[in-house]
C-alpha atoms as a PDB file:
ATOM      1  CA  MET A   1     -98.209  75.164 -30.623  1.00  0.00           C
ATOM      2  CA  SER A   2     -99.073  72.167 -28.411  1.00  0.00           C
ATOM      3  CA  SER A   3    -101.955  69.875 -29.261  1.00  0.00           C
ATOM      4  CA  ILE A   4    -104.984  69.450 -26.985  1.00  0.00           C
ATOM      5  CA  ILE A   5    -104.412  66.452 -24.725  1.00  0.00           C
ATOM      6  CA  PHE A   6    -107.058  64.854 -22.533  1.00  0.00           C
ATOM      7  CA  THR A   7    -107.808  61.586 -20.790  1.00  0.00           C
ATOM      8  CA  VAL A   8    -110.858  59.548 -21.644  1.00  0.00           C
ATOM      9  CA  GLU A   9    -112.285  60.478 -18.243  1.00  0.00           C
ATOM     10  CA  GLU A  10    -111.933  64.167 -19.087  1.00  0.00           C
ATOM     11  CA  ALA A  11    -113.774  63.814 -22.404  1.00  0.00           C
ATOM     12  CA  GLN A  12    -117.161  64.434 -20.831  1.00  0.00           C
ATOM     13  CA  ALA A  13    -116.063  67.819 -19.521  1.00  0.00           C
ATOM     14  CA  LEU A  14    -115.112  68.677 -23.108  1.00  0.00           C
ATOM     15  CA  ASP A  15    -118.609  67.656 -24.286  1.00  0.00           C
ATOM     16  CA  LEU A  16    -117.190  64.740 -26.259  1.00  0.00           C
ATOM     17  CA  THR A  17    -119.153  61.503 -26.554  1.00  0.00           C
ATOM     18  CA  PRO A  18    -117.488  58.068 -26.561  1.00  0.00           C
ATOM     19  CA  LYS A  19    -118.168  57.878 -30.289  1.00  0.00           C
ATOM     20  CA  GLN A  20    -116.488  61.229 -30.892  1.00  0.00           C
ATOM     21  CA  ILE A  21    -113.292  60.327 -29.009  1.00  0.00           C
ATOM     22  CA  ARG A  22    -112.995  57.232 -31.188  1.00  0.00           C
ATOM     23  CA  ASN A  23    -112.961  59.512 -34.236  1.00  0.00           C
ATOM     24  CA  THR A  24    -109.806  59.454 -36.346  1.00  0.00           C
ATOM     25  CA  ARG A  25    -109.423  63.147 -35.562  1.00  0.00           C
ATOM     26  CA  PHE A  26    -107.914  62.054 -32.237  1.00  0.00           C
ATOM     27  CA  ALA A  27    -104.742  60.035 -31.862  1.00  0.00           C
ATOM     28  CA  ALA A  28    -104.408  57.532 -29.020  1.00  0.00           C
ATOM     29  CA  PRO A  29    -100.712  57.340 -28.008  1.00  0.00           C
ATOM     30  CA  THR A  30    -101.721  54.788 -25.375  1.00  0.00           C
ATOM     31  CA  THR A  31    -104.791  53.468 -23.578  1.00  0.00           C
ATOM     32  CA  GLY A  32    -106.962  56.070 -21.860  1.00  0.00           C
ATOM     33  CA  VAL A  33    -105.602  59.276 -23.403  1.00  0.00           C
ATOM     34  CA  ARG A  34    -106.154  61.216 -26.601  1.00  0.00           C
ATOM     35  CA  VAL A  35    -104.324  63.898 -28.582  1.00  0.00           C
ATOM     36  CA  ASP A  36    -106.067  66.250 -30.967  1.00  0.00           C
ATOM     37  CA  GLY A  37    -104.442  65.544 -34.335  1.00  0.00           C
ATOM     38  CA  THR A  38    -103.788  62.562 -36.559  1.00  0.00           C
ATOM     39  CA  ASN A  39     -99.984  62.646 -36.393  1.00  0.00           C
ATOM     40  CA  PRO A  40     -98.848  64.066 -33.041  1.00  0.00           C
ATOM     41  CA  SER A  41     -95.191  64.851 -32.458  1.00  0.00           C
ATOM     42  CA  LEU A  42     -93.038  62.745 -30.146  1.00  0.00           C
ATOM     43  CA  ILE A  43     -93.257  65.494 -27.529  1.00  0.00           C
ATOM     44  CA  ASP A  44     -97.062  65.535 -27.629  1.00  0.00           C
ATOM     45  CA  ARG A  45     -97.241  61.740 -27.531  1.00  0.00           C
ATOM     46  CA  CYS A  46     -95.021  61.737 -24.454  1.00  0.00           C
ATOM     47  CA  ARG A  47     -97.010  64.550 -22.849  1.00  0.00           C
ATOM     48  CA  ALA A  48    -100.147  62.483 -23.336  1.00  0.00           C
ATOM     49  CA  ILE A  49     -98.564  59.329 -21.925  1.00  0.00           C
ATOM     50  CA  ALA A  50     -97.251  61.288 -18.935  1.00  0.00           C
ATOM     51  CA  ARG A  51    -100.883  61.945 -17.993  1.00  0.00           C
ATOM     52  CA  VAL A  52    -101.588  58.256 -17.351  1.00  0.00           C
ATOM     53  CA  VAL A  53     -98.319  56.775 -16.014  1.00  0.00           C
ATOM     54  CA  HIS A  54     -96.927  56.851 -12.469  1.00  0.00           C
ATOM     55  CA  PRO A  55     -95.489  60.234 -11.367  1.00  0.00           C
ATOM     56  CA  ASN A  56     -92.105  58.552 -10.766  1.00  0.00           C
ATOM     57  CA  ALA A  57     -91.919  57.360 -14.374  1.00  0.00           C
ATOM     58  CA  ALA A  58     -89.460  58.919 -16.799  1.00  0.00           C
ATOM     59  CA  PHE A  59     -89.017  58.640 -20.549  1.00  0.00           C
ATOM     60  CA  ALA A  60     -85.918  56.618 -21.296  1.00  0.00           C
ATOM     61  CA  ARG A  61     -83.649  54.883 -23.817  1.00  0.00           C
ATOM     62  CA  THR A  62     -84.228  55.805 -27.482  1.00  0.00           C
ATOM     63  CA  THR A  63     -87.197  57.988 -26.495  1.00  0.00           C
ATOM     64  CA  ALA A  64     -84.905  60.008 -24.227  1.00  0.00           C
ATOM     65  CA  LEU A  65     -82.204  60.194 -26.909  1.00  0.00           C
ATOM     66  CA  ARG A  66     -84.671  61.687 -29.371  1.00  0.00           C
ATOM     67  CA  LEU A  67     -86.008  64.139 -26.789  1.00  0.00           C
ATOM     68  CA  HIS A  68     -82.423  65.190 -26.004  1.00  0.00           C
ATOM     69  CA  GLY A  69     -81.736  65.684 -29.725  1.00  0.00           C
ATOM     70  CA  ILE A  70     -78.952  63.086 -29.827  1.00  0.00           C
ATOM     71  CA  ASP A  71     -78.076  61.038 -32.921  1.00  0.00           C
ATOM     72  CA  ILE A  72     -79.501  57.520 -32.529  1.00  0.00           C
ATOM     73  CA  PRO A  73     -76.912  54.713 -32.861  1.00  0.00           C
ATOM     74  CA  TRP A  74     -77.551  52.673 -35.991  1.00  0.00           C
ATOM     75  CA  GLN A  75     -78.356  49.572 -33.895  1.00  0.00           C
ATOM     76  CA  LEU A  76     -81.314  51.445 -32.349  1.00  0.00           C
ATOM     77  CA  GLU A  77     -82.595  53.447 -35.329  1.00  0.00           C
ATOM     78  CA  ASP A  78     -85.628  51.208 -35.840  1.00  0.00           C
ATOM     79  CA  ASP A  79     -86.665  51.385 -32.188  1.00  0.00           C
ATOM     80  CA  HIS A  80     -89.577  53.841 -32.116  1.00  0.00           C
ATOM     81  CA  ALA A  81     -91.283  52.482 -29.005  1.00  0.00           C
ATOM     82  CA  ILE A  82     -92.063  54.898 -26.180  1.00  0.00           C
ATOM     83  CA  HIS A  83     -89.740  53.739 -23.410  1.00  0.00           C
ATOM     84  CA  VAL A  84     -90.713  54.486 -19.822  1.00  0.00           C
ATOM     85  CA  VAL A  85     -88.615  53.575 -16.786  1.00  0.00           C
ATOM     86  CA  THR A  86     -89.602  53.498 -13.116  1.00  0.00           C
ATOM     87  CA  PRO A  87     -87.527  52.907  -9.963  1.00  0.00           C
ATOM     88  CA  ARG A  88     -89.941  50.249  -8.638  1.00  0.00           C
ATOM     89  CA  ARG A  89     -91.480  47.264 -10.395  1.00  0.00           C
ATOM     90  CA  GLY A  90     -94.998  48.025  -9.227  1.00  0.00           C
ATOM     91  CA  GLU A  91     -94.890  51.443 -10.908  1.00  0.00           C
ATOM     92  CA  ARG A  92     -94.234  50.112 -14.406  1.00  0.00           C
ATOM     93  CA  PRO A  93     -97.022  51.045 -16.842  1.00  0.00           C
ATOM     94  CA  GLN A  94     -98.855  48.152 -18.460  1.00  0.00           C
ATOM     95  CA  ARG A  95    -100.463  49.998 -21.336  1.00  0.00           C
ATOM     96  CA  PHE A  96    -100.631  49.748 -25.109  1.00  0.00           C
ATOM     97  CA  ALA A  97     -97.642  51.168 -27.059  1.00  0.00           C
ATOM     98  CA  ILE A  98     -95.451  51.714 -23.971  1.00  0.00           C
ATOM     99  CA  ALA A  99     -92.227  49.752 -23.420  1.00  0.00           C
ATOM    100  CA  PRO A 100     -91.930  49.580 -19.605  1.00  0.00           C
ATOM    101  CA  HIS A 101     -88.631  49.212 -17.761  1.00  0.00           C
ATOM    102  CA  PHE A 102     -87.610  48.761 -14.146  1.00  0.00           C
ATOM    103  CA  CYS A 103     -84.412  50.568 -13.178  1.00  0.00           C
ATOM    104  CA  GLY A 104     -83.655  48.869  -9.885  1.00  0.00           C
ATOM    105  CA  GLN A 105     -82.098  52.039  -8.461  1.00  0.00           C
ATOM    106  CA  LYS A 106     -83.591  53.992  -5.578  1.00  0.00           C
ATOM    107  CA  GLN A 107     -83.416  57.142  -7.659  1.00  0.00           C
ATOM    108  CA  ILE A 108     -83.284  57.591 -11.413  1.00  0.00           C
ATOM    109  CA  ASP A 109     -81.185  60.489 -12.687  1.00  0.00           C
ATOM    110  CA  VAL A 110     -83.790  62.577 -14.503  1.00  0.00           C
ATOM    111  CA  LEU A 111     -84.301  66.124 -15.701  1.00  0.00           C
ATOM    112  CA  ASP A 112     -87.245  68.187 -16.866  1.00  0.00           C
ATOM    113  CA  ARG A 113     -87.494  69.089 -20.524  1.00  0.00           C
ATOM    114  CA  PHE A 114     -90.583  70.094 -22.486  1.00  0.00           C
ATOM    115  CA  GLY A 115     -92.444  69.640 -19.195  1.00  0.00           C
ATOM    116  CA  LEU A 116     -91.515  65.930 -19.201  1.00  0.00           C
ATOM    117  CA  ARG A 117     -89.466  63.755 -16.881  1.00  0.00           C
ATOM    118  CA  ILE A 118     -86.629  62.422 -19.057  1.00  0.00           C
ATOM    119  CA  THR A 119     -83.664  60.312 -18.020  1.00  0.00           C
ATOM    120  CA  SER A 120     -80.518  62.433 -18.059  1.00  0.00           C
ATOM    121  CA  ALA A 121     -77.999  61.941 -20.840  1.00  0.00           C
ATOM    122  CA  PRO A 122     -75.624  59.943 -18.559  1.00  0.00           C
ATOM    123  CA  GLN A 123     -78.487  57.754 -17.329  1.00  0.00           C
ATOM    124  CA  THR A 124     -79.630  57.169 -20.906  1.00  0.00           C
ATOM    125  CA  TRP A 125     -76.077  56.341 -22.022  1.00  0.00           C
ATOM    126  CA  LEU A 126     -75.897  53.656 -19.339  1.00  0.00           C
ATOM    127  CA  GLN A 127     -79.347  52.274 -20.145  1.00  0.00           C
ATOM    128  CA  VAL A 128     -78.684  51.638 -23.843  1.00  0.00           C
ATOM    129  CA  ALA A 129     -75.127  50.357 -23.399  1.00  0.00           C
ATOM    130  CA  HIS A 130     -76.108  46.670 -23.426  1.00  0.00           C
ATOM    131  CA  ARG A 131     -77.482  47.032 -26.965  1.00  0.00           C
ATOM    132  CA  LEU A 132     -74.327  48.618 -28.414  1.00  0.00           C
ATOM    133  CA  ASP A 133     -70.757  47.656 -29.185  1.00  0.00           C
ATOM    134  CA  ARG A 134     -67.751  49.598 -27.897  1.00  0.00           C
ATOM    135  CA  SER A 135     -67.402  51.882 -30.923  1.00  0.00           C
ATOM    136  CA  SER A 136     -71.092  52.795 -30.942  1.00  0.00           C
ATOM    137  CA  LEU A 137     -71.043  53.504 -27.212  1.00  0.00           C
ATOM    138  CA  VAL A 138     -68.021  55.799 -27.629  1.00  0.00           C
ATOM    139  CA  ARG A 139     -69.727  57.473 -30.585  1.00  0.00           C
ATOM    140  CA  LEU A 140     -72.828  58.056 -28.460  1.00  0.00           C
ATOM    141  CA  GLY A 141     -70.745  59.518 -25.632  1.00  0.00           C
ATOM    142  CA  ASP A 142     -68.985  61.815 -28.101  1.00  0.00           C
ATOM    143  CA  ALA A 143     -72.364  62.932 -29.471  1.00  0.00           C
ATOM    144  CA  MET A 144     -73.555  63.768 -25.965  1.00  0.00           C
ATOM    145  CA  THR A 145     -70.430  65.844 -25.267  1.00  0.00           C
ATOM    146  CA  ARG A 146     -70.222  67.363 -28.765  1.00  0.00           C
ATOM    147  CA  ARG A 147     -68.643  70.740 -29.442  1.00  0.00           C
ATOM    148  CA  LYS A 148     -71.925  72.504 -30.215  1.00  0.00           C
ATOM    149  CA  ASN A 149     -74.857  72.216 -27.793  1.00  0.00           C
ATOM    150  CA  PRO A 150     -73.526  69.368 -25.622  1.00  0.00           C
ATOM    151  CA  VAL A 151     -76.082  67.726 -23.329  1.00  0.00           C
ATOM    152  CA  THR A 152     -73.623  66.439 -20.723  1.00  0.00           C
ATOM    153  CA  THR A 153     -69.934  66.152 -19.825  1.00  0.00           C
ATOM    154  CA  THR A 154     -67.475  63.293 -19.541  1.00  0.00           C
ATOM    155  CA  ASP A 155     -67.266  64.003 -15.792  1.00  0.00           C
ATOM    156  CA  ALA A 156     -71.043  63.513 -15.478  1.00  0.00           C
ATOM    157  CA  LEU A 157     -70.898  60.271 -17.480  1.00  0.00           C
ATOM    158  CA  SER A 158     -68.032  58.990 -15.317  1.00  0.00           C
ATOM    159  CA  PHE A 159     -69.720  59.982 -12.058  1.00  0.00           C
ATOM    160  CA  LEU A 160     -73.006  58.205 -12.750  1.00  0.00           C
ATOM    161  CA  MET A 161     -71.155  55.171 -14.083  1.00  0.00           C
ATOM    162  CA  ARG A 162     -69.189  54.917 -10.812  1.00  0.00           C
ATOM    163  CA  GLU A 163     -72.399  55.334  -8.813  1.00  0.00           C
ATOM    164  CA  THR A 164     -74.074  52.481 -10.719  1.00  0.00           C
ATOM    165  CA  PHE A 165     -73.252  49.064  -9.309  1.00  0.00           C
ATOM    166  CA  LYS A 166     -75.398  46.684 -11.307  1.00  0.00           C
ATOM    167  CA  MET A 167     -76.564  47.214 -14.872  1.00  0.00           C
ATOM    168  CA  LYS A 168     -76.260  45.284 -18.128  1.00  0.00           C
ATOM    169  CA  GLY A 169     -73.472  46.751 -20.219  1.00  0.00           C
ATOM    170  CA  LEU A 170     -71.676  48.382 -17.288  1.00  0.00           C
ATOM    171  CA  ALA A 171     -68.351  46.676 -18.059  1.00  0.00           C
ATOM    172  CA  LEU A 172     -68.530  47.999 -21.628  1.00  0.00           C
ATOM    173  CA  CYS A 173     -69.226  51.493 -20.281  1.00  0.00           C
ATOM    174  CA  ARG A 174     -66.040  51.326 -18.199  1.00  0.00           C
ATOM    175  CA  GLU A 175     -64.094  50.534 -21.362  1.00  0.00           C
ATOM    176  CA  ALA A 176     -65.829  53.134 -23.529  1.00  0.00           C
ATOM    177  CA  ILE A 177     -65.549  56.032 -21.077  1.00  0.00           C
ATOM    178  CA  GLU A 178     -61.774  56.016 -21.503  1.00  0.00           C
ATOM    179  CA  LEU A 179     -62.192  56.692 -25.225  1.00  0.00           C
ATOM    180  CA  ILE A 180     -64.834  59.442 -25.181  1.00  0.00           C
ATOM    181  CA  ARG A 181     -63.494  62.830 -26.190  1.00  0.00           C
ATOM    182  CA  PRO A 182     -65.618  65.970 -25.860  1.00  0.00           C
ATOM    183  CA  GLY A 183     -65.746  68.551 -28.615  1.00  0.00           C
ATOM    184  CA  THR A 184     -66.394  66.397 -31.687  1.00  0.00           C
ATOM    185  CA  ASP A 185     -68.605  67.531 -34.559  1.00  0.00           C
ATOM    186  CA  SER A 186     -69.802  64.281 -36.142  1.00  0.00           C
ATOM    187  CA  PRO A 187     -69.979  60.505 -35.589  1.00  0.00           C
ATOM    188  CA  MET A 188     -67.613  59.933 -38.508  1.00  0.00           C
ATOM    189  CA  GLU A 189     -64.958  62.029 -36.768  1.00  0.00           C
ATOM    190  CA  THR A 190     -65.261  59.648 -33.824  1.00  0.00           C
ATOM    191  CA  ASP A 191     -64.971  56.626 -36.131  1.00  0.00           C
ATOM    192  CA  LEU A 192     -61.893  58.159 -37.725  1.00  0.00           C
ATOM    193  CA  ARG A 193     -60.248  58.748 -34.348  1.00  0.00           C
ATOM    194  CA  LEU A 194     -61.014  55.204 -33.144  1.00  0.00           C
ATOM    195  CA  LEU A 195     -59.628  53.788 -36.391  1.00  0.00           C
ATOM    196  CA  ILE A 196     -56.342  55.592 -35.738  1.00  0.00           C
ATOM    197  CA  VAL A 197     -56.153  54.557 -32.087  1.00  0.00           C
ATOM    198  CA  ASP A 198     -57.088  50.917 -32.728  1.00  0.00           C
ATOM    199  CA  ALA A 199     -54.304  50.737 -35.319  1.00  0.00           C
ATOM    200  CA  GLY A 200     -51.804  51.511 -32.569  1.00  0.00           C
ATOM    201  CA  LEU A 201     -51.021  55.027 -33.787  1.00  0.00           C
ATOM    202  CA  PRO A 202     -50.773  57.999 -31.407  1.00  0.00           C
ATOM    203  CA  GLU A 203     -54.166  59.486 -30.615  1.00  0.00           C
ATOM    204  CA  PRO A 204     -54.753  62.811 -32.377  1.00  0.00           C
ATOM    205  CA  LEU A 205     -56.301  65.737 -30.519  1.00  0.00           C
ATOM    206  CA  VAL A 206     -59.927  66.692 -31.213  1.00  0.00           C
ATOM    207  CA  ASN A 207     -60.783  70.190 -32.492  1.00  0.00           C
ATOM    208  CA  VAL A 208     -57.753  71.913 -30.999  1.00  0.00           C
ATOM    209  CA  PRO A 209     -57.072  75.332 -32.596  1.00  0.00           C
ATOM    210  CA  ALA A 210     -54.082  75.418 -34.920  1.00  0.00           C
ATOM    211  CA  LEU A 211     -51.958  78.536 -34.280  1.00  0.00           C
ATOM    212  CA  ASP A 212     -49.195  80.215 -36.235  1.00  0.00           C
ATOM    213  CA  GLU A 213     -45.784  81.083 -34.803  1.00  0.00           C
ATOM    214  CA  ASP A 214     -47.201  84.296 -33.334  1.00  0.00           C
ATOM    215  CA  GLY A 215     -50.007  82.428 -31.600  1.00  0.00           C
ATOM    216  CA  LEU A 216     -52.669  83.649 -34.022  1.00  0.00           C
ATOM    217  CA  PHE A 217     -55.556  81.384 -34.973  1.00  0.00           C
ATOM    218  CA  LEU A 218     -55.250  79.520 -38.281  1.00  0.00           C
ATOM    219  CA  ALA A 219     -57.982  76.870 -38.264  1.00  0.00           C
ATOM    220  CA  LEU A 220     -59.777  74.270 -36.202  1.00  0.00           C
ATOM    221  CA  PRO A 221     -58.792  70.855 -37.604  1.00  0.00           C
ATOM    222  CA  ASP A 222     -61.054  67.906 -36.863  1.00  0.00           C
ATOM    223  CA  LEU A 223     -58.069  65.914 -35.599  1.00  0.00           C
ATOM    224  CA  SER A 224     -54.461  66.987 -35.309  1.00  0.00           C
ATOM    225  CA  TYR A 225     -50.955  66.431 -34.003  1.00  0.00           C
ATOM    226  CA  PRO A 226     -50.135  70.090 -33.265  1.00  0.00           C
ATOM    227  CA  HIS A 227     -46.493  69.477 -32.306  1.00  0.00           C
ATOM    228  CA  LEU A 228     -45.928  67.855 -35.717  1.00  0.00           C
ATOM    229  CA  LYS A 229     -48.146  70.299 -37.645  1.00  0.00           C
ATOM    230  CA  ILE A 230     -50.288  67.467 -39.011  1.00  0.00           C
ATOM    231  CA  ALA A 231     -54.021  68.036 -39.485  1.00  0.00           C
ATOM    232  CA  ILE A 232     -56.497  65.262 -40.317  1.00  0.00           C
ATOM    233  CA  GLU A 233     -59.764  66.507 -41.788  1.00  0.00           C
ATOM    234  CA  TYR A 234     -62.876  64.423 -42.361  1.00  0.00           C
ATOM    235  CA  ASP A 235     -64.819  65.561 -45.426  1.00  0.00           C
ATOM    236  CA  GLY A 236     -68.433  64.450 -45.620  1.00  0.00           C
ATOM    237  CA  ASP A 237     -70.444  64.847 -48.812  1.00  0.00           C
ATOM    238  CA  HIS A 238     -71.641  68.322 -47.776  1.00  0.00           C
ATOM    239  CA  HIS A 239     -68.041  69.558 -48.011  1.00  0.00           C
ATOM    240  CA  ARG A 240     -68.181  68.713 -51.698  1.00  0.00           C
ATOM    241  CA  THR A 241     -71.766  69.653 -52.565  1.00  0.00           C
ATOM    242  CA  ASP A 242     -72.155  72.897 -50.605  1.00  0.00           C
ATOM    243  CA  PRO A 243     -70.252  75.707 -52.386  1.00  0.00           C
ATOM    244  CA  ALA A 244     -69.885  77.878 -49.273  1.00  0.00           C
ATOM    245  CA  THR A 245     -68.469  74.980 -47.249  1.00  0.00           C
ATOM    246  CA  TRP A 246     -66.102  74.067 -50.064  1.00  0.00           C
ATOM    247  CA  ARG A 247     -64.783  77.650 -50.300  1.00  0.00           C
ATOM    248  CA  ARG A 248     -64.224  77.803 -46.530  1.00  0.00           C
ATOM    249  CA  ASP A 249     -62.380  74.472 -46.657  1.00  0.00           C
ATOM    250  CA  VAL A 250     -60.053  75.704 -49.390  1.00  0.00           C
ATOM    251  CA  GLU A 251     -59.297  78.967 -47.609  1.00  0.00           C
ATOM    252  CA  ARG A 252     -58.702  77.217 -44.254  1.00  0.00           C
ATOM    253  CA  ARG A 253     -56.375  74.643 -45.769  1.00  0.00           C
ATOM    254  CA  GLN A 254     -54.399  77.289 -47.600  1.00  0.00           C
ATOM    255  CA  ARG A 255     -53.791  79.054 -44.276  1.00  0.00           C
ATOM    256  CA  LEU A 256     -52.574  75.823 -42.721  1.00  0.00           C
ATOM    257  CA  GLU A 257     -50.308  74.935 -45.644  1.00  0.00           C
ATOM    258  CA  ASP A 258     -48.825  78.417 -45.726  1.00  0.00           C
ATOM    259  CA  ALA A 259     -47.917  77.938 -42.054  1.00  0.00           C
ATOM    260  CA  GLY A 260     -46.153  74.642 -42.811  1.00  0.00           C
ATOM    261  CA  TRP A 261     -48.912  72.197 -41.845  1.00  0.00           C
ATOM    262  CA  LEU A 262     -49.477  68.872 -43.601  1.00  0.00           C
ATOM    263  CA  ILE A 263     -53.169  68.152 -44.232  1.00  0.00           C
ATOM    264  CA  ILE A 264     -54.534  64.617 -44.573  1.00  0.00           C
ATOM    265  CA  THR A 265     -58.084  64.504 -45.910  1.00  0.00           C
ATOM    266  CA  ALA A 266     -60.287  61.507 -45.145  1.00  0.00           C
ATOM    267  CA  THR A 267     -63.628  60.557 -46.696  1.00  0.00           C
ATOM    268  CA  ALA A 268     -66.210  57.937 -45.775  1.00  0.00           C
ATOM    269  CA  ASP A 269     -64.513  55.510 -48.168  1.00  0.00           C
ATOM    270  CA  ASP A 270     -61.218  55.963 -46.324  1.00  0.00           C
ATOM    271  CA  VAL A 271     -62.812  55.230 -42.953  1.00  0.00           C
ATOM    272  CA  ILE A 272     -65.182  52.428 -43.942  1.00  0.00           C
ATOM    273  CA  ARG A 273     -63.942  50.723 -47.117  1.00  0.00           C
ATOM    274  CA  TYR A 274     -60.200  51.384 -47.366  1.00  0.00           C
ATOM    275  CA  PRO A 275     -58.932  52.110 -43.841  1.00  0.00           C
ATOM    276  CA  GLU A 276     -55.454  50.665 -44.471  1.00  0.00           C
ATOM    277  CA  ARG A 277     -54.917  53.186 -47.265  1.00  0.00           C
ATOM    278  CA  LEU A 278     -55.668  56.050 -44.879  1.00  0.00           C
ATOM    279  CA  LEU A 279     -53.628  54.567 -42.029  1.00  0.00           C
ATOM    280  CA  ARG A 280     -50.672  54.188 -44.364  1.00  0.00           C
ATOM    281  CA  ARG A 281     -50.814  57.907 -45.186  1.00  0.00           C
ATOM    282  CA  ILE A 282     -50.996  58.836 -41.494  1.00  0.00           C
ATOM    283  CA  ARG A 283     -48.103  56.506 -40.593  1.00  0.00           C
ATOM    284  CA  THR A 284     -45.974  57.988 -43.351  1.00  0.00           C
ATOM    285  CA  ALA A 285     -46.731  61.517 -42.176  1.00  0.00           C
ATOM    286  CA  LEU A 286     -45.869  60.666 -38.567  1.00  0.00           C
ATOM    287  CA  GLU A 287     -42.602  59.005 -39.593  1.00  0.00           C
ATOM    288  CA  ARG A 288     -41.567  62.039 -41.594  1.00  0.00           C
END
């Protein structure tokens, strides 16, 4: 259920006095607007701010990522400002608690969600690129094109990147786009794949069904070399602590092994702390 949102000018019609609208019962996401409630959600805060910014404004950057439901890159996790972008300088909001941005493009690629103008996933990917490194930008692109509930496609990312001629981080985007692979399930799977590729090893396929000799489905490995029957599985802590997940893992791996597949299991330690140990196992498997 949405909160009641009103501008200070509308308070009189609600029979609220200036003293009442200063009451802690109402939150003030920015100057000139109030939300009924002491801790409004991000959506309600943005709905309130939308009432007092230019109609061409759109919510952008980390605000857009959160509204899209995309994992925030670790470099941006502490950024909780409400980011608003406009196509013209004169339209930028100059209000408390809003981080204003000027896009410099005649038209910003936006969509409507929750009744709000939000920069599209490709536009948002481009806008935050200058604050990320290559791996984080690839990880963000993978998250946007994830296997479940993707918010965009690699074609859409590539198209908007080609249509953008001047933007900080654009050169990095051109490098990262070549490494984005749709269909991933977690950021650590992306890190694992990049670790393999950066080591000069052949790139494994992402979430490609493993089939038996009769073409029947066996499993969906995180990463694999199907022609060599090698599966690389990333196990997060939930694989160990959740009994149902653990049982499914065991059953899936038994099916693969019975069909002659070699399974290489990787943990966070393998990817972050001891990558050479993992790469050595993959090299050995490929050589065999």
